[in-house]
């Protein structure tokens, strides 16, 4: 009986030892994961925190080496000057309208292209998919001059049509990515759904609108969110094609120093010079709409990355 008791006690101690080792391993792995997440979070949050803190610094605080992270006072004059130079109210309205129209047109055109490639027997379909991939691989800077010459020949340079027409015909920022995303989603549901709708008398567009599009809502959300962010940050082509009246906030930020000198340095005897705090205040004003968009739609951004496998820029 003692042997049985000893055997049971040894088995119990062995199980406790294994359980303890598992808990220790689990706790250690969790500690490592938290450490990595905190480190990655600091890497991403540090520039934002730096930008926020320095944007509220006055010039004396900026040149004072003893003041690093906590300003002596919140200096709001930097934001007032940045708002004036950026012409923030009008520029924000122009940017939101242009980017929203581009986003909507690109989503519609890419959805139609992806649906056609996925659900219809198009001749040389695989070849067209290869062209879509090649269009993504070619850097956009390579096509800047040909696009400018083309729109200049049509008299569209300086007009918002020069950026709206490419988006409407699937030639916007990274449009090929969204064509492939829609193609992947539209290929994922059974053909019997479309056939049943056609038996009931629905045409191709009605099948697309009533059957395919509701099934692929995640792809639509992905296209809308990422297109908006990418069009917002796009400055190369827009700066080349758009006129002065249609400049977006990121475009104005590129020429912020010159605009500041014209606005505040033109007064005779003025010593008002642009400094790091004013530039960071302007940068924060430009990126704040995107930060607010991400905070509001954080769950949709994460689901979009998980469902499509693409990342933002």
C-alpha atoms as a PDB file:
ATOM      1  CA  UNK A   1       0.000   0.000   0.000  1.00  0.00           C
ATOM      2  CA  UNK A   2       2.931   2.303   0.758  1.00  0.00           C
ATOM      3  CA  UNK A   3       4.330   1.534  -2.667  1.00  0.00           C
ATOM      4  CA  UNK A   4       1.074   2.561  -4.297  1.00  0.00           C
ATOM      5  CA  UNK A   5       0.953   5.735  -2.219  1.00  0.00           C
ATOM      6  CA  UNK A   6       4.540   6.596  -3.096  1.00  0.00           C
ATOM      7  CA  UNK A   7       3.899   5.919  -6.772  1.00  0.00           C
ATOM      8  CA  UNK A   8       0.840   8.147  -6.729  1.00  0.00           C
ATOM      9  CA  UNK A   9       2.715  10.876  -4.864  1.00  0.00           C
ATOM     10  CA  UNK A  10       5.579  10.743  -7.372  1.00  0.00           C
ATOM     11  CA  UNK A  11       3.123  10.909 -10.279  1.00  0.00           C
ATOM     12  CA  UNK A  12       1.359  13.852  -8.681  1.00  0.00           C
ATOM     13  CA  UNK A  13       4.657  15.693  -8.123  1.00  0.00           C
ATOM     14  CA  UNK A  14       5.691  14.996 -11.726  1.00  0.00           C
ATOM     15  CA  UNK A  15       2.394  16.406 -13.017  1.00  0.00           C
ATOM     16  CA  UNK A  16       2.813  19.484 -10.832  1.00  0.00           C
ATOM     17  CA  UNK A  17       6.358  19.935 -12.137  1.00  0.00           C
ATOM     18  CA  UNK A  18       5.189  19.687 -15.759  1.00  0.00           C
ATOM     19  CA  UNK A  19       2.323  22.084 -15.072  1.00  0.00           C
ATOM     20  CA  UNK A  20       4.707  24.541 -13.387  1.00  0.00           C
ATOM     21  CA  UNK A  21       7.128  24.387 -16.331  1.00  0.00           C
ATOM     22  CA  UNK A  22       4.274  25.007 -18.760  1.00  0.00           C
ATOM     23  CA  UNK A  23       3.100  28.019 -16.752  1.00  0.00           C
ATOM     24  CA  UNK A  24       6.659  29.325 -16.531  1.00  0.00           C
ATOM     25  CA  UNK A  25       7.159  28.898 -20.295  1.00  0.00           C
ATOM     26  CA  UNK A  26       3.788  30.529 -21.012  1.00  0.00           C
ATOM     27  CA  UNK A  27       4.594  33.438 -18.719  1.00  0.00           C
ATOM     28  CA  UNK A  28       8.029  33.884 -20.276  1.00  0.00           C
ATOM     29  CA  UNK A  29       6.612  33.857 -23.804  1.00  0.00           C
ATOM     30  CA  UNK A  30       3.948  36.358 -22.790  1.00  0.00           C
ATOM     31  CA  UNK A  31       6.625  38.595 -21.269  1.00  0.00           C
ATOM     32  CA  UNK A  32       8.669  38.434 -24.490  1.00  0.00           C
ATOM     33  CA  UNK A  33       5.598  39.221 -26.616  1.00  0.00           C
ATOM     34  CA  UNK A  34       4.676  42.202 -24.408  1.00  0.00           C
ATOM     35  CA  UNK A  35       8.267  43.451 -24.548  1.00  0.00           C
ATOM     36  CA  UNK A  36       8.281  43.252 -28.359  1.00  0.00           C
ATOM     37  CA  UNK A  37       4.871  44.933 -28.643  1.00  0.00           C
ATOM     38  CA  UNK A  38       5.918  47.755 -26.322  1.00  0.00           C
ATOM     39  CA  UNK A  39       9.136  48.205 -28.285  1.00  0.00           C
ATOM     40  CA  UNK A  40       7.294  48.308 -31.615  1.00  0.00           C
ATOM     41  CA  UNK A  41       4.720  50.681 -30.126  1.00  0.00           C
ATOM     42  CA  UNK A  42       7.455  53.057 -28.951  1.00  0.00           C
ATOM     43  CA  UNK A  43       9.070  53.023 -32.399  1.00  0.00           C
ATOM     44  CA  UNK A  44       5.772  54.039 -34.030  1.00  0.00           C
ATOM     45  CA  UNK A  45       4.550  56.426 -31.318  1.00  0.00           C
ATOM     46  CA  UNK A  46       7.810  58.260 -30.664  1.00  0.00           C
ATOM     47  CA  UNK A  47       7.672  60.400 -33.849  1.00  0.00           C
ATOM     48  CA  UNK A  48       4.053  61.347 -33.142  1.00  0.00           C
ATOM     49  CA  UNK A  49       4.778  62.249 -29.512  1.00  0.00           C
ATOM     50  CA  UNK A  50       7.876  64.188 -30.578  1.00  0.00           C
ATOM     51  CA  UNK A  51       5.841  66.091 -33.154  1.00  0.00           C
ATOM     52  CA  UNK A  52       3.080  66.942 -30.674  1.00  0.00           C
ATOM     53  CA  UNK A  53       5.449  68.094 -27.919  1.00  0.00           C
ATOM     54  CA  UNK A  54       7.695  70.205 -30.139  1.00  0.00           C
ATOM     55  CA  UNK A  55       4.750  71.795 -31.945  1.00  0.00           C
ATOM     56  CA  UNK A  56       3.751  73.480 -28.660  1.00  0.00           C
ATOM     57  CA  UNK A  57       7.227  74.864 -27.922  1.00  0.00           C
ATOM     58  CA  UNK A  58       8.020  78.543 -28.174  1.00  0.00           C
ATOM     59  CA  UNK A  59      11.319  79.693 -29.650  1.00  0.00           C
ATOM     60  CA  UNK A  60      12.966  80.166 -26.206  1.00  0.00           C
ATOM     61  CA  UNK A  61      11.931  76.616 -25.243  1.00  0.00           C
ATOM     62  CA  UNK A  62      13.200  75.315 -28.563  1.00  0.00           C
ATOM     63  CA  UNK A  63      16.707  76.707 -28.061  1.00  0.00           C
ATOM     64  CA  UNK A  64      16.826  75.886 -24.341  1.00  0.00           C
ATOM     65  CA  UNK A  65      18.782  72.595 -23.949  1.00  0.00           C
ATOM     66  CA  UNK A  66      17.264  71.965 -20.501  1.00  0.00           C
ATOM     67  CA  UNK A  67      13.727  71.735 -21.924  1.00  0.00           C
ATOM     68  CA  UNK A  68      13.278  68.442 -23.732  1.00  0.00           C
ATOM     69  CA  UNK A  69       9.797  66.913 -23.409  1.00  0.00           C
ATOM     70  CA  UNK A  70       7.772  69.316 -21.262  1.00  0.00           C
ATOM     71  CA  UNK A  71       7.452  72.892 -22.606  1.00  0.00           C
ATOM     72  CA  UNK A  72       7.388  75.732 -20.114  1.00  0.00           C
ATOM     73  CA  UNK A  73       3.950  76.632 -21.528  1.00  0.00           C
ATOM     74  CA  UNK A  74       1.655  75.607 -24.359  1.00  0.00           C
ATOM     75  CA  UNK A  75       2.565  77.971 -27.175  1.00  0.00           C
ATOM     76  CA  UNK A  76      -0.376  78.085 -29.592  1.00  0.00           C
ATOM     77  CA  UNK A  77       1.067  80.753 -31.860  1.00  0.00           C
ATOM     78  CA  UNK A  78       2.774  78.017 -33.910  1.00  0.00           C
ATOM     79  CA  UNK A  79      -0.616  76.585 -34.868  1.00  0.00           C
ATOM     80  CA  UNK A  80      -2.064  80.001 -35.658  1.00  0.00           C
ATOM     81  CA  UNK A  81       0.749  80.729 -38.092  1.00  0.00           C
ATOM     82  CA  UNK A  82       0.546  77.253 -39.603  1.00  0.00           C
ATOM     83  CA  UNK A  83      -3.209  77.631 -40.133  1.00  0.00           C
ATOM     84  CA  UNK A  84      -2.667  80.936 -41.922  1.00  0.00           C
ATOM     85  CA  UNK A  85       0.139  79.687 -44.152  1.00  0.00           C
ATOM     86  CA  UNK A  86      -1.672  76.470 -45.085  1.00  0.00           C
ATOM     87  CA  UNK A  87      -4.963  78.334 -45.632  1.00  0.00           C
ATOM     88  CA  UNK A  88      -6.206  75.369 -43.661  1.00  0.00           C
ATOM     89  CA  UNK A  89      -9.985  75.688 -43.940  1.00  0.00           C
ATOM     90  CA  UNK A  90     -10.098  75.998 -47.713  1.00  0.00           C
ATOM     91  CA  UNK A  91      -7.233  73.570 -48.315  1.00  0.00           C
ATOM     92  CA  UNK A  92      -8.830  70.936 -46.094  1.00  0.00           C
ATOM     93  CA  UNK A  93     -12.131  71.230 -47.963  1.00  0.00           C
ATOM     94  CA  UNK A  94     -10.383  70.960 -51.351  1.00  0.00           C
ATOM     95  CA  UNK A  95      -8.340  67.972 -50.170  1.00  0.00           C
ATOM     96  CA  UNK A  96     -11.303  66.079 -48.727  1.00  0.00           C
ATOM     97  CA  UNK A  97     -13.455  66.662 -51.836  1.00  0.00           C
ATOM     98  CA  UNK A  98     -10.703  65.638 -54.272  1.00  0.00           C
ATOM     99  CA  UNK A  99      -9.572  62.610 -52.298  1.00  0.00           C
ATOM    100  CA  UNK A 100     -13.148  61.435 -51.680  1.00  0.00           C
ATOM    101  CA  UNK A 101     -14.033  61.656 -55.371  1.00  0.00           C
ATOM    102  CA  UNK A 102     -10.839  59.830 -56.366  1.00  0.00           C
ATOM    103  CA  UNK A 103     -11.493  57.156 -53.759  1.00  0.00           C
ATOM    104  CA  UNK A 104     -15.087  56.600 -54.866  1.00  0.00           C
ATOM    105  CA  UNK A 105     -14.233  56.500 -58.590  1.00  0.00           C
ATOM    106  CA  UNK A 106     -11.300  54.167 -58.058  1.00  0.00           C
ATOM    107  CA  UNK A 107     -13.340  51.773 -55.911  1.00  0.00           C
ATOM    108  CA  UNK A 108     -16.109  51.581 -58.517  1.00  0.00           C
ATOM    109  CA  UNK A 109     -13.747  51.070 -61.466  1.00  0.00           C
ATOM    110  CA  UNK A 110     -11.598  48.481 -59.682  1.00  0.00           C
ATOM    111  CA  UNK A 111     -14.656  46.586 -58.456  1.00  0.00           C
ATOM    112  CA  UNK A 112     -16.046  46.390 -61.990  1.00  0.00           C
ATOM    113  CA  UNK A 113     -12.677  45.318 -63.404  1.00  0.00           C
ATOM    114  CA  UNK A 114     -12.181  42.694 -60.708  1.00  0.00           C
ATOM    115  CA  UNK A 115     -15.714  41.378 -61.193  1.00  0.00           C
ATOM    116  CA  UNK A 116     -15.287  41.123 -64.955  1.00  0.00           C
ATOM    117  CA  UNK A 117     -11.996  39.232 -64.649  1.00  0.00           C
ATOM    118  CA  UNK A 118     -13.352  36.897 -61.975  1.00  0.00           C
ATOM    119  CA  UNK A 119     -16.872  36.069 -63.227  1.00  0.00           C
ATOM    120  CA  UNK A 120     -16.799  36.385 -67.023  1.00  0.00           C
ATOM    121  CA  UNK A 121     -15.029  34.377 -69.712  1.00  0.00           C
ATOM    122  CA  UNK A 122     -12.855  37.170 -71.043  1.00  0.00           C
ATOM    123  CA  UNK A 123     -10.425  36.228 -73.839  1.00  0.00           C
ATOM    124  CA  UNK A 124      -6.823  36.027 -72.622  1.00  0.00           C
ATOM    125  CA  UNK A 125      -7.921  36.512 -69.023  1.00  0.00           C
ATOM    126  CA  UNK A 126      -4.621  35.306 -67.565  1.00  0.00           C
ATOM    127  CA  UNK A 127      -2.736  37.692 -69.825  1.00  0.00           C
ATOM    128  CA  UNK A 128      -4.817  40.603 -68.545  1.00  0.00           C
ATOM    129  CA  UNK A 129      -4.038  39.569 -64.968  1.00  0.00           C
ATOM    130  CA  UNK A 130      -0.349  39.556 -65.847  1.00  0.00           C
ATOM    131  CA  UNK A 131      -0.721  43.122 -67.180  1.00  0.00           C
ATOM    132  CA  UNK A 132      -2.420  44.141 -63.928  1.00  0.00           C
ATOM    133  CA  UNK A 133       0.495  42.759 -61.904  1.00  0.00           C
ATOM    134  CA  UNK A 134       3.012  44.454 -64.205  1.00  0.00           C
ATOM    135  CA  UNK A 135       1.195  47.773 -63.786  1.00  0.00           C
ATOM    136  CA  UNK A 136       1.695  47.414 -60.031  1.00  0.00           C
ATOM    137  CA  UNK A 137       5.387  46.552 -60.367  1.00  0.00           C
ATOM    138  CA  UNK A 138       6.236  49.571 -62.567  1.00  0.00           C
ATOM    139  CA  UNK A 139       7.108  52.570 -60.322  1.00  0.00           C
ATOM    140  CA  UNK A 140       4.705  55.472 -60.704  1.00  0.00           C
ATOM    141  CA  UNK A 141       7.621  57.899 -61.161  1.00  0.00           C
ATOM    142  CA  UNK A 142       8.463  56.187 -64.465  1.00  0.00           C
ATOM    143  CA  UNK A 143       5.150  57.235 -65.997  1.00  0.00           C
ATOM    144  CA  UNK A 144       5.085  60.815 -64.686  1.00  0.00           C
ATOM    145  CA  UNK A 145       6.425  62.459 -67.855  1.00  0.00           C
ATOM    146  CA  UNK A 146       4.252  60.435 -70.292  1.00  0.00           C
ATOM    147  CA  UNK A 147       1.163  61.223 -68.206  1.00  0.00           C
ATOM    148  CA  UNK A 148       2.016  64.907 -68.100  1.00  0.00           C
ATOM    149  CA  UNK A 149       2.556  65.048 -71.859  1.00  0.00           C
ATOM    150  CA  UNK A 150      -0.709  63.200 -72.494  1.00  0.00           C
ATOM    151  CA  UNK A 151      -2.814  65.466 -70.263  1.00  0.00           C
ATOM    152  CA  UNK A 152      -1.021  68.539 -71.593  1.00  0.00           C
ATOM    153  CA  UNK A 153      -1.956  67.557 -75.174  1.00  0.00           C
ATOM    154  CA  UNK A 154      -5.589  67.306 -74.077  1.00  0.00           C
ATOM    155  CA  UNK A 155      -5.424  70.627 -72.227  1.00  0.00           C
ATOM    156  CA  UNK A 156      -6.194  69.095 -68.843  1.00  0.00           C
ATOM    157  CA  UNK A 157      -3.075  70.210 -66.934  1.00  0.00           C
ATOM    158  CA  UNK A 158      -4.220  72.421 -64.088  1.00  0.00           C
ATOM    159  CA  UNK A 159      -7.680  70.834 -64.033  1.00  0.00           C
ATOM    160  CA  UNK A 160      -8.967  68.370 -61.412  1.00  0.00           C
ATOM    161  CA  UNK A 161     -10.008  66.110 -64.293  1.00  0.00           C
ATOM    162  CA  UNK A 162      -6.330  65.197 -64.696  1.00  0.00           C
ATOM    163  CA  UNK A 163      -6.486  63.241 -61.421  1.00  0.00           C
ATOM    164  CA  UNK A 164     -10.158  62.212 -61.483  1.00  0.00           C
ATOM    165  CA  UNK A 165     -10.099  60.559 -64.921  1.00  0.00           C
ATOM    166  CA  UNK A 166      -7.272  58.108 -64.062  1.00  0.00           C
ATOM    167  CA  UNK A 167      -9.117  57.094 -60.905  1.00  0.00           C
ATOM    168  CA  UNK A 168     -12.342  56.608 -62.871  1.00  0.00           C
ATOM    169  CA  UNK A 169     -10.601  54.262 -65.321  1.00  0.00           C
ATOM    170  CA  UNK A 170      -8.645  52.206 -62.808  1.00  0.00           C
ATOM    171  CA  UNK A 171      -5.373  54.131 -63.159  1.00  0.00           C
ATOM    172  CA  UNK A 172      -5.248  55.769 -59.743  1.00  0.00           C
ATOM    173  CA  UNK A 173      -2.759  55.193 -56.944  1.00  0.00           C
ATOM    174  CA  UNK A 174      -2.089  51.424 -56.746  1.00  0.00           C
ATOM    175  CA  UNK A 175      -5.333  50.666 -58.588  1.00  0.00           C
ATOM    176  CA  UNK A 176      -3.955  47.316 -59.727  1.00  0.00           C
ATOM    177  CA  UNK A 177      -3.753  46.189 -56.092  1.00  0.00           C
ATOM    178  CA  UNK A 178      -7.467  46.731 -55.642  1.00  0.00           C
ATOM    179  CA  UNK A 179      -8.286  45.037 -58.948  1.00  0.00           C
ATOM    180  CA  UNK A 180      -6.472  41.961 -57.648  1.00  0.00           C
ATOM    181  CA  UNK A 181      -8.196  42.219 -54.249  1.00  0.00           C
ATOM    182  CA  UNK A 182     -11.640  42.395 -55.875  1.00  0.00           C
ATOM    183  CA  UNK A 183     -10.706  39.574 -58.241  1.00  0.00           C
ATOM    184  CA  UNK A 184      -9.763  37.421 -55.256  1.00  0.00           C
ATOM    185  CA  UNK A 185     -13.004  38.145 -53.406  1.00  0.00           C
ATOM    186  CA  UNK A 186     -15.294  37.774 -56.434  1.00  0.00           C
ATOM    187  CA  UNK A 187     -13.660  34.441 -57.285  1.00  0.00           C
ATOM    188  CA  UNK A 188     -14.430  33.091 -53.837  1.00  0.00           C
ATOM    189  CA  UNK A 189     -18.196  32.544 -54.006  1.00  0.00           C
ATOM    190  CA  UNK A 190     -20.056  29.916 -56.101  1.00  0.00           C
ATOM    191  CA  UNK A 191     -21.094  30.612 -59.687  1.00  0.00           C
ATOM    192  CA  UNK A 192     -24.523  29.179 -58.876  1.00  0.00           C
ATOM    193  CA  UNK A 193     -25.415  32.470 -57.173  1.00  0.00           C
ATOM    194  CA  UNK A 194     -24.960  34.380 -60.437  1.00  0.00           C
ATOM    195  CA  UNK A 195     -26.708  31.684 -62.464  1.00  0.00           C
ATOM    196  CA  UNK A 196     -29.729  31.710 -60.154  1.00  0.00           C
ATOM    197  CA  UNK A 197     -30.006  35.491 -60.481  1.00  0.00           C
ATOM    198  CA  UNK A 198     -29.784  35.303 -64.276  1.00  0.00           C
ATOM    199  CA  UNK A 199     -32.519  32.653 -64.347  1.00  0.00           C
ATOM    200  CA  UNK A 200     -34.707  35.162 -62.510  1.00  0.00           C
ATOM    201  CA  UNK A 201     -34.049  37.679 -65.276  1.00  0.00           C
ATOM    202  CA  UNK A 202     -31.245  39.756 -63.754  1.00  0.00           C
ATOM    203  CA  UNK A 203     -28.675  41.281 -66.094  1.00  0.00           C
ATOM    204  CA  UNK A 204     -24.927  41.413 -65.553  1.00  0.00           C
ATOM    205  CA  UNK A 205     -24.960  44.782 -63.806  1.00  0.00           C
ATOM    206  CA  UNK A 206     -27.866  43.758 -61.573  1.00  0.00           C
ATOM    207  CA  UNK A 207     -26.046  40.560 -60.622  1.00  0.00           C
ATOM    208  CA  UNK A 208     -22.971  42.641 -59.789  1.00  0.00           C
ATOM    209  CA  UNK A 209     -24.935  45.173 -57.731  1.00  0.00           C
ATOM    210  CA  UNK A 210     -27.346  42.824 -55.957  1.00  0.00           C
ATOM    211  CA  UNK A 211     -25.347  39.612 -55.558  1.00  0.00           C
ATOM    212  CA  UNK A 212     -21.589  40.111 -55.903  1.00  0.00           C
ATOM    213  CA  UNK A 213     -21.092  43.479 -54.220  1.00  0.00           C
ATOM    214  CA  UNK A 214     -22.911  42.677 -50.934  1.00  0.00           C
ATOM    215  CA  UNK A 215     -20.892  39.459 -50.604  1.00  0.00           C
ATOM    216  CA  UNK A 216     -17.622  41.359 -51.070  1.00  0.00           C
ATOM    217  CA  UNK A 217     -18.250  44.233 -48.643  1.00  0.00           C
ATOM    218  CA  UNK A 218     -14.840  43.637 -46.935  1.00  0.00           C
ATOM    219  CA  UNK A 219     -13.091  44.293 -50.265  1.00  0.00           C
ATOM    220  CA  UNK A 220     -15.098  47.500 -50.723  1.00  0.00           C
ATOM    221  CA  UNK A 221     -14.096  48.696 -47.243  1.00  0.00           C
ATOM    222  CA  UNK A 222     -10.452  47.853 -47.952  1.00  0.00           C
ATOM    223  CA  UNK A 223     -10.524  49.804 -51.212  1.00  0.00           C
ATOM    224  CA  UNK A 224     -12.255  52.830 -49.694  1.00  0.00           C
ATOM    225  CA  UNK A 225     -10.011  53.103 -46.636  1.00  0.00           C
ATOM    226  CA  UNK A 226      -6.659  52.462 -48.265  1.00  0.00           C
ATOM    227  CA  UNK A 227      -7.474  54.472 -51.388  1.00  0.00           C
ATOM    228  CA  UNK A 228      -8.371  57.459 -49.226  1.00  0.00           C
ATOM    229  CA  UNK A 229      -5.085  57.271 -47.306  1.00  0.00           C
ATOM    230  CA  UNK A 230      -2.962  56.711 -50.413  1.00  0.00           C
ATOM    231  CA  UNK A 231      -4.629  59.487 -52.412  1.00  0.00           C
ATOM    232  CA  UNK A 232      -4.239  61.820 -49.432  1.00  0.00           C
ATOM    233  CA  UNK A 233      -0.489  61.182 -49.297  1.00  0.00           C
ATOM    234  CA  UNK A 234       0.046  61.302 -53.082  1.00  0.00           C
ATOM    235  CA  UNK A 235       1.889  64.483 -54.101  1.00  0.00           C
ATOM    236  CA  UNK A 236       4.093  63.632 -57.101  1.00  0.00           C
ATOM    237  CA  UNK A 237       1.467  63.368 -59.820  1.00  0.00           C
ATOM    238  CA  UNK A 238      -0.928  65.855 -58.217  1.00  0.00           C
ATOM    239  CA  UNK A 239       1.825  68.436 -57.878  1.00  0.00           C
ATOM    240  CA  UNK A 240       2.650  68.003 -61.549  1.00  0.00           C
ATOM    241  CA  UNK A 241      -0.886  68.120 -62.933  1.00  0.00           C
ATOM    242  CA  UNK A 242      -2.988  70.254 -60.585  1.00  0.00           C
ATOM    243  CA  UNK A 243      -3.171  74.025 -60.633  1.00  0.00           C
ATOM    244  CA  UNK A 244      -2.664  76.415 -57.738  1.00  0.00           C
ATOM    245  CA  UNK A 245      -6.384  76.486 -56.873  1.00  0.00           C
ATOM    246  CA  UNK A 246      -6.541  72.718 -56.367  1.00  0.00           C
ATOM    247  CA  UNK A 247      -3.453  72.125 -54.235  1.00  0.00           C
ATOM    248  CA  UNK A 248      -4.014  69.707 -51.380  1.00  0.00           C
ATOM    249  CA  UNK A 249      -2.715  69.985 -47.819  1.00  0.00           C
ATOM    250  CA  UNK A 250       0.273  67.637 -48.388  1.00  0.00           C
ATOM    251  CA  UNK A 251       1.206  69.686 -51.461  1.00  0.00           C
ATOM    252  CA  UNK A 252       1.058  72.906 -49.442  1.00  0.00           C
ATOM    253  CA  UNK A 253       3.203  71.301 -46.763  1.00  0.00           C
ATOM    254  CA  UNK A 254       5.938  70.701 -49.351  1.00  0.00           C
ATOM    255  CA  UNK A 255       6.233  74.429 -49.990  1.00  0.00           C
ATOM    256  CA  UNK A 256       5.492  75.480 -46.408  1.00  0.00           C
ATOM    257  CA  UNK A 257       8.805  77.279 -45.801  1.00  0.00           C
ATOM    258  CA  UNK A 258       8.468  79.461 -48.901  1.00  0.00           C
ATOM    259  CA  UNK A 259       4.822  80.219 -48.135  1.00  0.00           C
ATOM    260  CA  UNK A 260       5.719  81.119 -44.550  1.00  0.00           C
ATOM    261  CA  UNK A 261       8.428  83.522 -45.662  1.00  0.00           C
ATOM    262  CA  UNK A 262       5.997  85.182 -48.058  1.00  0.00           C
ATOM    263  CA  UNK A 263       3.295  85.488 -45.393  1.00  0.00           C
ATOM    264  CA  UNK A 264       5.299  86.508 -42.324  1.00  0.00           C
ATOM    265  CA  UNK A 265       8.704  87.525 -43.634  1.00  0.00           C
ATOM    266  CA  UNK A 266       7.564  90.080 -46.195  1.00  0.00           C
ATOM    267  CA  UNK A 267       6.964  92.829 -43.637  1.00  0.00           C
ATOM    268  CA  UNK A 268       9.823  95.314 -43.627  1.00  0.00           C
ATOM    269  CA  UNK A 269      12.066  94.787 -40.629  1.00  0.00           C
ATOM    270  CA  UNK A 270      10.377  91.516 -39.659  1.00  0.00           C
ATOM    271  CA  UNK A 271      12.550  88.956 -37.865  1.00  0.00           C
ATOM    272  CA  UNK A 272       9.864  86.260 -37.831  1.00  0.00           C
ATOM    273  CA  UNK A 273      11.485  83.102 -39.192  1.00  0.00           C
ATOM    274  CA  UNK A 274      10.122  79.607 -39.614  1.00  0.00           C
ATOM    275  CA  UNK A 275      11.452  77.141 -37.044  1.00  0.00           C
ATOM    276  CA  UNK A 276      11.102  73.468 -36.242  1.00  0.00           C
ATOM    277  CA  UNK A 277       8.084  73.977 -33.968  1.00  0.00           C
ATOM    278  CA  UNK A 278       6.090  75.785 -36.654  1.00  0.00           C
ATOM    279  CA  UNK A 279       6.960  73.146 -39.262  1.00  0.00           C
ATOM    280  CA  UNK A 280       5.919  70.335 -36.902  1.00  0.00           C
ATOM    281  CA  UNK A 281       2.670  72.153 -36.082  1.00  0.00           C
ATOM    282  CA  UNK A 282       1.917  72.347 -39.814  1.00  0.00           C
ATOM    283  CA  UNK A 283       2.796  68.670 -40.253  1.00  0.00           C
ATOM    284  CA  UNK A 284       0.507  67.698 -37.397  1.00  0.00           C
ATOM    285  CA  UNK A 285      -2.343  69.710 -38.914  1.00  0.00           C
ATOM    286  CA  UNK A 286      -1.876  67.911 -42.237  1.00  0.00           C
ATOM    287  CA  UNK A 287      -1.766  64.374 -40.787  1.00  0.00           C
ATOM    288  CA  UNK A 288      -4.405  64.908 -38.077  1.00  0.00           C
ATOM    289  CA  UNK A 289      -7.375  64.062 -40.380  1.00  0.00           C
ATOM    290  CA  UNK A 290      -5.756  60.701 -41.165  1.00  0.00           C
ATOM    291  CA  UNK A 291      -5.039  60.072 -37.475  1.00  0.00           C
ATOM    292  CA  UNK A 292      -8.677  60.812 -36.635  1.00  0.00           C
ATOM    293  CA  UNK A 293      -9.818  58.556 -39.489  1.00  0.00           C
ATOM    294  CA  UNK A 294      -7.662  55.728 -38.171  1.00  0.00           C
ATOM    295  CA  UNK A 295      -8.881  56.164 -34.584  1.00  0.00           C
ATOM    296  CA  UNK A 296     -12.518  56.097 -35.721  1.00  0.00           C
ATOM    297  CA  UNK A 297     -12.116  53.210 -38.184  1.00  0.00           C
ATOM    298  CA  UNK A 298      -9.365  51.266 -36.434  1.00  0.00           C
ATOM    299  CA  UNK A 299     -11.287  47.988 -36.465  1.00  0.00           C
ATOM    300  CA  UNK A 300     -12.015  48.280 -40.194  1.00  0.00           C
ATOM    301  CA  UNK A 301      -8.344  48.980 -40.939  1.00  0.00           C
ATOM    302  CA  UNK A 302      -7.242  45.873 -39.041  1.00  0.00           C
ATOM    303  CA  UNK A 303      -9.913  43.696 -40.648  1.00  0.00           C
ATOM    304  CA  UNK A 304      -8.948  45.060 -44.061  1.00  0.00           C
ATOM    305  CA  UNK A 305      -5.300  44.128 -43.562  1.00  0.00           C
ATOM    306  CA  UNK A 306      -6.262  40.650 -42.334  1.00  0.00           C
ATOM    307  CA  UNK A 307      -8.727  39.964 -45.149  1.00  0.00           C
ATOM    308  CA  UNK A 308      -6.666  41.305 -48.050  1.00  0.00           C
ATOM    309  CA  UNK A 309      -3.072  40.959 -46.927  1.00  0.00           C
ATOM    310  CA  UNK A 310      -2.137  44.526 -47.956  1.00  0.00           C
ATOM    311  CA  UNK A 311      -0.659  47.182 -45.723  1.00  0.00           C
ATOM    312  CA  UNK A 312      -1.001  50.948 -45.587  1.00  0.00           C
ATOM    313  CA  UNK A 313       1.688  53.519 -46.391  1.00  0.00           C
END
